[in-house]
Amino acid sequence: MSSGDEALFLGLDAGTSGMRGVCVDQGGEIVAAAKTSFDDEQQARLPKVWRAGIARILDELASLVALDRIRGIAVDGQSGTG
């Protein structure tokens, strides 16, 4: 179980249908998660939509855990094939 001051690690994923964020503790246990969806395929290609999505995810995660506990960040993305 994660304590209130233990280091966390943030994973961000940008896919073709939306974005996801997850905070895990040192043992790999998920302690907080958030996601947002794109309205359509065109939105999935707009950097301003990605930035807004990340902001929403971080806001939601901040309501669940203290973001100053994050000690590392991993980012993954999937590009459309169409």
Protein backbone atom coordinates (compact mmCIF):
# COMPACT_ATOMS: atom_id res chain seq x y z
CA MET A 1 0.00 0.00 0.00
CA SER A 2 1.21 3.51 -0.82
CA SER A 3 1.90 5.92 2.02
CA GLY A 4 1.14 9.65 1.78
CA ASP A 5 4.74 10.68 1.18
CA GLU A 6 6.10 7.76 -0.87
CA ALA A 7 7.58 8.54 -4.31
CA LEU A 8 5.24 8.14 -7.25
CA PHE A 9 5.85 7.68 -10.96
CA LEU A 10 3.62 9.15 -13.66
CA GLY A 11 2.78 7.41 -16.91
CA LEU A 12 1.09 9.33 -19.72
CA ASP A 13 -0.29 7.68 -22.84
CA ALA A 14 -1.64 9.45 -25.91
CA GLY A 15 -3.57 7.06 -28.12
CA THR A 16 -5.80 7.39 -31.13
CA SER A 17 -8.99 7.56 -29.04
CA GLY A 18 -7.81 9.55 -26.03
CA MET A 19 -5.22 10.11 -23.34
CA ARG A 20 -4.59 8.34 -20.07
CA GLY A 21 -2.51 9.09 -17.01
CA VAL A 22 -1.60 6.85 -14.11
CA CYS A 23 0.45 7.30 -10.94
CA VAL A 24 2.09 4.20 -9.52
CA ASP A 25 4.07 3.69 -6.34
CA GLN A 26 7.52 2.09 -6.10
CA GLY A 27 5.96 -1.35 -6.01
CA GLY A 28 4.08 -0.72 -9.26
CA GLU A 29 0.67 -0.44 -7.59
CA ILE A 30 -1.71 2.04 -9.22
CA VAL A 31 -2.61 4.78 -6.75
CA ALA A 32 -4.43 7.18 -9.11
CA ALA A 33 -5.66 7.16 -12.71
CA ALA A 34 -7.38 9.56 -15.08
CA LYS A 35 -8.39 9.60 -18.74
CA THR A 36 -9.93 11.80 -21.39
CA SER A 37 -11.31 10.96 -24.82
CA PHE A 38 -10.98 12.70 -28.17
CA ASP A 39 -14.25 13.70 -29.84
CA ASP A 40 -13.08 12.49 -33.25
CA GLU A 41 -10.06 11.41 -35.27
CA GLN A 42 -9.24 14.98 -36.30
CA GLN A 43 -8.88 16.05 -32.66
CA ALA A 44 -6.42 13.20 -32.06
CA ARG A 45 -4.03 14.96 -34.45
CA LEU A 46 -4.06 18.43 -32.86
CA PRO A 47 -1.23 19.31 -30.43
CA LYS A 48 -3.45 21.90 -28.69
CA VAL A 49 -5.90 19.09 -27.89
CA TRP A 50 -3.04 16.97 -26.49
CA ARG A 51 -1.94 19.86 -24.25
CA ALA A 52 -5.49 20.38 -23.01
CA GLY A 53 -5.86 16.64 -22.41
CA ILE A 54 -2.67 16.49 -20.37
CA ALA A 55 -3.82 19.50 -18.33
CA ARG A 56 -7.16 17.80 -17.57
CA ILE A 57 -5.44 14.55 -16.62
CA LEU A 58 -2.96 16.33 -14.34
CA ASP A 59 -5.78 18.31 -12.70
CA GLU A 60 -7.69 15.11 -12.00
CA LEU A 61 -4.60 13.30 -10.70
CA ALA A 62 -3.80 16.32 -8.48
CA SER A 63 -7.19 15.91 -6.84
CA LEU A 64 -6.23 12.33 -5.94
CA VAL A 65 -2.52 12.54 -5.02
CA ALA A 66 0.11 15.20 -4.33
CA LEU A 67 1.91 15.71 -7.64
CA ASP A 68 5.07 16.82 -5.82
CA ARG A 69 5.52 13.14 -4.93
CA ILE A 70 6.24 12.33 -8.62
CA ARG A 71 9.87 11.36 -9.15
CA GLY A 72 9.72 10.14 -12.73
CA ILE A 73 7.61 10.47 -15.86
CA ALA A 74 7.14 8.09 -18.81
CA VAL A 75 5.32 9.15 -21.97
CA ASP A 76 3.99 6.90 -24.70
CA GLY A 77 2.12 7.79 -27.87
CA GLN A 78 0.37 6.02 -30.69
CA SER A 79 0.10 7.61 -34.10
CA GLY A 80 -2.86 7.07 -36.36
CA THR A 81 -2.34 4.80 -39.33
CA GLY A 82 -5.02 6.27 -41.55
